Protein backbone atom coordinates (compact mmCIF):
# COMPACT_ATOMS: atom_id res chain seq x y z
CA UNK A 1 0.00 0.00 0.00
CA UNK A 2 1.42 3.38 -1.01
CA UNK A 3 -0.38 5.70 1.37
CA UNK A 4 1.43 8.97 2.09
CA UNK A 5 1.84 9.23 5.86
CA UNK A 6 4.31 11.09 8.02
CA UNK A 7 6.02 7.84 8.98
CA UNK A 8 6.40 6.81 5.33
CA UNK A 9 8.02 10.10 4.27
CA UNK A 10 10.04 10.66 7.43
CA UNK A 11 13.18 9.02 5.94
CA UNK A 12 13.11 11.73 3.24
CA UNK A 13 13.08 14.63 5.73
CA UNK A 14 16.67 15.86 5.66
CA UNK A 15 15.89 19.21 7.26
CA UNK A 16 12.94 20.58 9.19
CA UNK A 17 12.55 24.02 10.76
CA UNK A 18 9.51 25.63 12.39
CA UNK A 19 9.32 29.41 12.23
CA UNK A 20 6.36 31.73 12.84
CA UNK A 21 3.69 29.14 12.22
CA UNK A 22 5.34 27.65 9.12
CA UNK A 23 7.40 24.47 8.76
CA UNK A 24 10.26 24.61 6.24
CA UNK A 25 11.48 21.24 4.96
CA UNK A 26 14.11 19.75 2.71
CA UNK A 27 13.19 16.32 1.36
CA UNK A 28 16.10 14.24 0.09
CA UNK A 29 16.34 10.68 -1.24
CA UNK A 30 19.72 9.27 -0.13
CA UNK A 31 19.76 6.75 -2.97
CA UNK A 32 19.07 8.98 -5.97
CA UNK A 33 20.12 12.35 -4.56
CA UNK A 34 16.75 13.85 -5.49
CA UNK A 35 16.16 16.87 -3.25
CA UNK A 36 13.34 19.39 -2.94
CA UNK A 37 12.57 22.28 -0.60
CA UNK A 38 9.00 23.08 0.44
CA UNK A 39 7.13 24.82 3.22
CA UNK A 40 3.62 24.71 4.63
CA UNK A 41 1.64 26.57 7.28
CA UNK A 42 1.14 24.49 10.41
CA UNK A 43 -2.57 23.91 11.07
CA UNK A 44 -3.89 25.35 14.31
CA UNK A 45 -6.42 22.69 15.25
CA UNK A 46 -6.60 19.22 16.71
CA UNK A 47 -3.88 17.73 14.55
CA UNK A 48 -3.62 14.94 12.04
CA UNK A 49 -6.36 12.83 13.59
CA UNK A 50 -9.02 15.44 12.93
CA UNK A 51 -7.58 16.05 9.49
CA UNK A 52 -8.07 12.41 8.57
CA UNK A 53 -11.61 12.51 9.95
CA UNK A 54 -12.39 15.66 7.97
CA UNK A 55 -10.95 14.08 4.81
CA UNK A 56 -13.38 11.18 5.15
CA UNK A 57 -16.36 13.43 5.81
CA UNK A 58 -15.55 16.22 3.32
CA UNK A 59 -16.32 16.29 -0.36
CA UNK A 60 -13.62 15.83 -2.98
CA UNK A 61 -13.75 19.51 -3.94
CA UNK A 62 -13.30 20.61 -0.33
CA UNK A 63 -10.21 18.42 -0.08
CA UNK A 64 -8.88 19.76 -3.37
CA UNK A 65 -9.29 23.34 -2.19
CA UNK A 66 -7.38 22.48 0.99
CA UNK A 67 -4.59 20.82 -0.95
CA UNK A 68 -4.41 23.64 -3.48
CA UNK A 69 -4.10 26.19 -0.70
CA UNK A 70 -1.13 24.32 0.74
CA UNK A 71 0.54 23.80 -2.60
CA UNK A 72 0.34 27.45 -3.59
CA UNK A 73 1.44 28.76 -0.21
CA UNK A 74 4.98 27.81 -1.18
CA UNK A 75 4.74 30.15 -4.17
CA UNK A 76 2.65 32.93 -2.65
CA UNK A 77 2.91 32.83 1.12
CA UNK A 78 6.67 33.21 1.17
CA UNK A 79 6.94 35.73 -1.64
CA UNK A 80 3.76 37.78 -1.35
CA UNK A 81 2.24 37.38 2.07
CA UNK A 82 5.23 37.32 4.40
CA UNK A 83 5.10 41.01 5.32
CA UNK A 84 1.36 40.88 6.00
CA UNK A 85 1.80 37.62 7.91
CA UNK A 86 4.52 39.09 10.11
CA UNK A 87 2.32 42.08 10.95
CA UNK A 88 -0.50 39.72 11.92
CA UNK A 89 1.93 37.65 14.01
CA UNK A 90 3.03 40.76 15.92
CA UNK A 91 -0.57 41.55 16.72
CA UNK A 92 -1.23 38.03 17.95
CA UNK A 93 1.86 38.05 20.13
CA UNK A 94 0.96 41.46 21.55
CA UNK A 95 -2.37 39.94 22.57
CA UNK A 96 -0.55 37.11 24.33
CA UNK A 97 -0.96 34.38 21.69
CA UNK A 98 2.24 32.46 20.98
CA UNK A 99 3.12 30.03 18.21
CA UNK A 100 2.88 26.73 20.07
CA UNK A 101 2.26 23.56 18.08
CA UNK A 102 1.78 19.94 18.99
CA UNK A 103 3.90 17.27 17.36
CA UNK A 104 0.83 16.09 15.43
CA UNK A 105 0.29 19.57 14.00
CA UNK A 106 3.93 19.84 12.94
CA UNK A 107 3.76 16.43 11.27
CA UNK A 108 0.64 17.52 9.41
CA UNK A 109 2.52 20.60 8.25
CA UNK A 110 5.37 18.40 7.02
CA UNK A 111 2.83 16.34 5.07
CA UNK A 112 1.46 19.53 3.53
CA UNK A 113 4.96 20.57 2.49
CA UNK A 114 5.66 17.14 0.99
CA UNK A 115 2.52 17.25 -1.15
CA UNK A 116 3.93 20.30 -2.92
CA UNK A 117 6.92 18.31 -4.20
CA UNK A 118 5.38 14.82 -4.25
CA UNK A 119 5.79 14.56 -8.02
CA UNK A 120 9.57 14.39 -7.51
CA UNK A 121 9.28 11.11 -5.62
CA UNK A 122 7.74 7.72 -6.34
CA UNK A 123 6.82 4.62 -4.37
CA UNK A 124 9.26 1.71 -4.57
CA UNK A 125 7.12 -1.44 -4.09
CA UNK A 126 10.15 -3.67 -3.61
CA UNK A 127 11.70 -1.57 -0.87
CA UNK A 128 8.32 -0.37 0.44
CA UNK A 129 9.52 3.24 0.62
CA UNK A 130 9.42 6.57 -1.21
CA UNK A 131 12.44 7.27 -3.42
CA UNK A 132 13.45 9.91 -5.94
CA UNK A 133 11.42 9.87 -9.13
CA UNK A 134 12.99 8.81 -12.40
CA UNK A 135 14.99 11.76 -13.76
CA UNK A 136 13.89 13.61 -16.85
CA UNK A 137 10.60 13.84 -18.68
CA UNK A 138 11.61 11.10 -21.09
CA UNK A 139 12.27 8.63 -18.30
CA UNK A 140 9.01 9.58 -16.61
CA UNK A 141 7.11 8.98 -19.82
CA UNK A 142 8.83 5.63 -20.20
CA UNK A 143 7.80 4.68 -16.68
CA UNK A 144 4.18 5.51 -17.40
CA UNK A 145 4.09 3.76 -20.76
CA UNK A 146 3.53 0.16 -19.56
CA UNK A 147 0.60 1.10 -17.31
CA UNK A 148 -0.85 3.49 -19.86
CA UNK A 149 -0.61 0.84 -22.55
CA UNK A 150 -2.48 -1.61 -20.32
CA UNK A 151 -5.23 1.00 -20.02
CA UNK A 152 -5.34 1.37 -23.79
CA UNK A 153 -3.78 4.83 -23.78
CA UNK A 154 -0.70 5.83 -25.74
CA UNK A 155 1.69 7.70 -23.44
CA UNK A 156 2.97 10.85 -25.12
CA UNK A 157 0.65 10.74 -28.09
CA UNK A 158 -2.96 10.86 -29.23
CA UNK A 159 -5.87 12.80 -27.78
CA UNK A 160 -4.87 11.92 -24.21
CA UNK A 161 -1.58 13.81 -24.45
CA UNK A 162 -2.77 16.69 -26.62
CA UNK A 163 -5.21 18.39 -24.26
CA UNK A 164 -2.82 20.69 -22.37
CA UNK A 165 0.57 21.55 -23.85
CA UNK A 166 3.84 22.76 -22.39
CA UNK A 167 5.14 22.45 -18.82
CA UNK A 168 2.89 21.33 -15.98
CA UNK A 169 1.36 23.57 -13.33
CA UNK A 170 4.14 23.28 -10.74
CA UNK A 171 6.90 23.47 -13.33
CA UNK A 172 5.46 26.67 -14.80
CA UNK A 173 5.41 28.37 -11.40
CA UNK A 174 8.94 27.21 -10.66
CA UNK A 175 10.21 28.48 -14.02
CA UNK A 176 8.40 31.82 -13.85
CA UNK A 177 7.69 32.73 -10.20
CA UNK A 178 5.90 35.95 -9.34
CA UNK A 179 8.82 37.70 -7.62
CA UNK A 180 8.63 41.40 -8.48
CA UNK A 181 6.94 43.45 -5.72
CA UNK A 182 4.68 45.18 -8.24
CA UNK A 183 3.62 41.85 -9.71
CA UNK A 184 2.90 40.43 -6.26
CA UNK A 185 0.70 43.39 -5.40
CA UNK A 186 -1.09 43.05 -8.71
CA UNK A 187 -1.61 39.33 -8.18
CA UNK A 188 -3.08 39.90 -4.73
CA UNK A 189 -5.66 42.29 -6.18
CA UNK A 190 -6.40 39.93 -9.08
CA UNK A 191 -7.10 37.01 -6.76
CA UNK A 192 -9.38 39.03 -4.52
CA UNK A 193 -11.30 40.31 -7.55
CA UNK A 194 -11.74 36.77 -8.85
CA UNK A 195 -13.01 35.59 -5.46
CA UNK A 196 -15.43 38.52 -5.27
CA UNK A 197 -16.58 38.30 -8.90
CA UNK A 198 -20.09 37.37 -7.71
CA UNK A 199 -20.21 40.65 -5.75
CA UNK A 200 -19.57 39.04 -2.36
CA UNK A 201 -16.60 37.76 -0.39
CA UNK A 202 -17.89 35.29 2.18
CA UNK A 203 -15.90 34.53 5.36
CA UNK A 204 -15.13 31.03 4.06
CA UNK A 205 -13.69 32.56 0.88
CA UNK A 206 -11.62 34.98 2.94
CA UNK A 207 -10.24 32.07 4.92
CA UNK A 208 -9.37 30.18 1.74
CA UNK A 209 -7.66 33.25 0.28
CA UNK A 210 -5.72 33.73 3.52
CA UNK A 211 -4.25 30.25 3.21
CA UNK A 212 -3.83 30.68 -0.54
CA UNK A 213 -1.82 33.91 -0.22
CA UNK A 214 -0.42 33.70 3.30
CA UNK A 215 -2.34 36.79 4.44
CA UNK A 216 -4.60 37.40 7.44
CA UNK A 217 -8.32 38.14 6.87
CA UNK A 218 -7.74 41.82 7.66
CA UNK A 219 -5.39 42.17 4.70
CA UNK A 220 -7.85 40.36 2.42
CA UNK A 221 -10.62 42.73 3.47
CA UNK A 222 -8.43 45.74 2.76
CA UNK A 223 -7.63 44.43 -0.72
CA UNK A 224 -11.33 43.88 -1.39
CA UNK A 225 -11.94 47.57 -0.80
CA UNK A 226 -9.52 48.59 -3.56
CA UNK A 227 -10.99 49.90 -6.84
CA UNK A 228 -11.26 47.40 -9.70
CA UNK A 229 -8.13 46.86 -11.74
CA UNK A 230 -7.97 48.76 -15.00
CA UNK A 231 -6.21 47.82 -18.26
CA UNK A 232 -3.62 50.40 -17.27
CA UNK A 233 -2.98 48.60 -13.98
CA UNK A 234 -2.58 45.26 -15.75
CA UNK A 235 -0.23 46.80 -18.32
CA UNK A 236 2.23 47.49 -15.48
CA UNK A 237 2.90 43.75 -15.03
CA UNK A 238 6.35 42.48 -15.94
CA UNK A 239 6.68 41.32 -19.51
CA UNK A 240 7.30 37.66 -20.30
CA UNK A 241 6.33 34.37 -18.63
CA UNK A 242 5.45 36.07 -15.32
CA UNK A 243 2.23 37.24 -16.96
CA UNK A 244 1.29 33.65 -17.67
CA UNK A 245 1.93 32.80 -14.02
CA UNK A 246 -0.46 35.57 -12.97
CA UNK A 247 -3.21 34.05 -15.11
CA UNK A 248 -2.35 30.50 -14.04
CA UNK A 249 -2.79 31.43 -10.38
CA UNK A 250 -6.01 33.28 -11.12
CA UNK A 251 -7.31 30.16 -12.89
CA UNK A 252 -6.33 28.07 -9.85
CA UNK A 253 -8.61 30.14 -7.66
CA UNK A 254 -11.47 30.24 -10.17
CA UNK A 255 -11.45 26.51 -10.91
CA UNK A 256 -11.20 25.59 -7.22
CA UNK A 257 -14.62 27.15 -6.69
CA UNK A 258 -17.13 24.39 -5.98
CA UNK A 259 -19.67 25.93 -8.36
CA UNK A 260 -17.11 26.70 -11.10
CA UNK A 261 -18.76 30.12 -11.23
CA UNK A 262 -18.97 31.66 -14.69
CA UNK A 263 -18.42 35.14 -13.23
CA UNK A 264 -15.04 34.13 -11.82
CA UNK A 265 -13.94 32.52 -15.07
CA UNK A 266 -15.06 35.59 -17.04
CA UNK A 267 -12.95 37.75 -14.74
CA UNK A 268 -9.85 35.64 -15.50
CA UNK A 269 -10.51 35.91 -19.23
CA UNK A 270 -10.72 39.69 -18.88
CA UNK A 271 -7.42 39.71 -16.98
CA UNK A 272 -5.84 37.67 -19.76
CA UNK A 273 -6.96 40.25 -22.29
CA UNK A 274 -5.64 43.09 -20.12
CA UNK A 275 -2.28 41.33 -19.83
CA UNK A 276 -2.21 41.07 -23.64
CA UNK A 277 -2.04 37.28 -23.69
CA UNK A 278 -3.31 35.33 -26.67
CA UNK A 279 -6.70 33.70 -25.98
CA UNK A 280 -5.18 30.33 -26.89
CA UNK A 281 -2.51 30.87 -24.21
CA UNK A 282 -5.14 31.69 -21.62
CA UNK A 283 -7.13 28.57 -22.49
CA UNK A 284 -4.02 26.36 -22.33
CA UNK A 285 -3.23 27.78 -18.87
CA UNK A 286 -6.78 26.94 -17.80
CA UNK A 287 -6.27 23.35 -18.97
CA UNK A 288 -2.93 23.17 -17.18
CA UNK A 289 -4.61 24.24 -13.95
CA UNK A 290 -7.46 21.78 -14.51
CA UNK A 291 -4.94 18.96 -14.82
CA UNK A 292 -3.37 19.99 -11.51
CA UNK A 293 -6.76 19.71 -9.83
CA UNK A 294 -7.45 16.30 -11.36
CA UNK A 295 -4.00 15.02 -10.41
CA UNK A 296 -4.59 16.15 -6.83
CA UNK A 297 -7.94 14.40 -6.97
CA UNK A 298 -6.27 11.19 -8.08
CA UNK A 299 -4.03 11.33 -5.02
CA UNK A 300 -7.21 11.26 -2.94
CA UNK A 301 -8.73 8.48 -5.04
CA UNK A 302 -5.74 6.23 -4.23
CA UNK A 303 -5.01 7.62 -0.75
CA UNK A 304 -5.77 4.24 0.88
CA UNK A 305 -3.64 2.32 -1.60
CA UNK A 306 -6.75 1.16 -3.45
CA UNK A 307 -9.05 2.93 -5.87
CA UNK A 308 -12.00 4.61 -4.14
CA UNK A 309 -14.72 4.08 -6.75
CA UNK A 310 -17.15 6.65 -5.34
CA UNK A 311 -14.45 9.32 -5.25
CA UNK A 312 -13.26 8.32 -8.74
CA UNK A 313 -16.78 8.85 -10.05
CA UNK A 314 -16.92 12.25 -8.37
CA UNK A 315 -13.59 13.11 -9.95
CA UNK A 316 -14.89 12.09 -13.38
CA UNK A 317 -17.77 14.52 -12.92
CA UNK A 318 -15.36 17.31 -12.00
CA UNK A 319 -13.13 16.55 -14.99
CA UNK A 320 -16.17 16.63 -17.26
CA UNK A 321 -17.20 20.04 -15.92
CA UNK A 322 -13.65 21.23 -16.51
CA UNK A 323 -13.93 20.09 -20.12
CA UNK A 324 -11.24 17.41 -19.81
CA UNK A 325 -11.59 14.39 -22.14
CA UNK A 326 -12.11 11.06 -20.39
CA UNK A 327 -9.06 9.69 -22.24
CA UNK A 328 -6.85 12.31 -20.62
CA UNK A 329 -8.19 11.49 -17.15
CA UNK A 330 -7.42 7.80 -17.78
CA UNK A 331 -3.87 8.67 -18.84
CA UNK A 332 -3.34 10.82 -15.74
CA UNK A 333 -4.70 7.99 -13.60
CA UNK A 334 -2.21 5.56 -15.14
CA UNK A 335 0.62 7.95 -14.38
CA UNK A 336 -0.58 8.44 -10.79
CA UNK A 337 -0.73 4.68 -10.22
CA UNK A 338 2.78 4.27 -11.56
CA UNK A 339 4.11 6.95 -9.23
CA UNK A 340 2.36 5.32 -6.27
CA UNK A 341 3.63 1.86 -7.17
CA UNK A 342 0.11 0.52 -7.74
CA UNK A 343 -1.07 -1.92 -10.39
């Protein structure tokens, strides 16, 4: 069984540091030398036990939103929300609240960090452990090929491989991070506008955005009071791939909405036009984000080491609403099973 637990990934934890409510980790495979850094906010609740209970009781989309928030914190929380987070921390400490975490909460944070770089590791069924993934896209495709062929899907060709083109979601953000202060400020306003596209910003949405961007609710509320972005504002964004990252992150928020609200998606399309991106680029970025959601969903489908048929059916419905061909979902499932060491 290839279930991701703290005990199963603990041998990969080469470095772990807790600072201001965030755990910073370095995961390293001693055998292959594969190494990846990631961070995650430490949950302030009842620990991993309640998380597992909530995962059983919650819907697939709720779990995907939670995972997406953790994944993107590594790209946004550190770069965009740190200043706001530090201000919030000072206020909490002034009120007498300290950052004290149980071991269970820290372990849950480590799991959240690992999920951000999980695609760099794979399950070794012989050794019953997680090891570094096969290096290079070509090797990865070769690893998927036997399972994909058994499912009747051609790895690397046909309709299954032609839906989204170019690098994957995580790779795009790693290659073109949103680093410039002006771009980070613009992104923050874009995300809040997407969330409030239906003319309201509910407390639950504020909480999700806070985890998404690493900002306290007060900062989210202040951003929501800003005037709507104009084409002139969007034109100030850095030229090049960073503009695609802005749209990719906006799509992540829009597609993570349980209702897949048309107003939110229309807002992202308008941002793409304001950033002077080709409509085909904007659509490909949407597909790239959709694949990230489905891949996260597949992790939940096989979380127990066996396929959860009810959750797989729910995921098929989500993929259909996202416009993803069934063949592509099957191909992604074959790749997920290969990475998890399942047959």
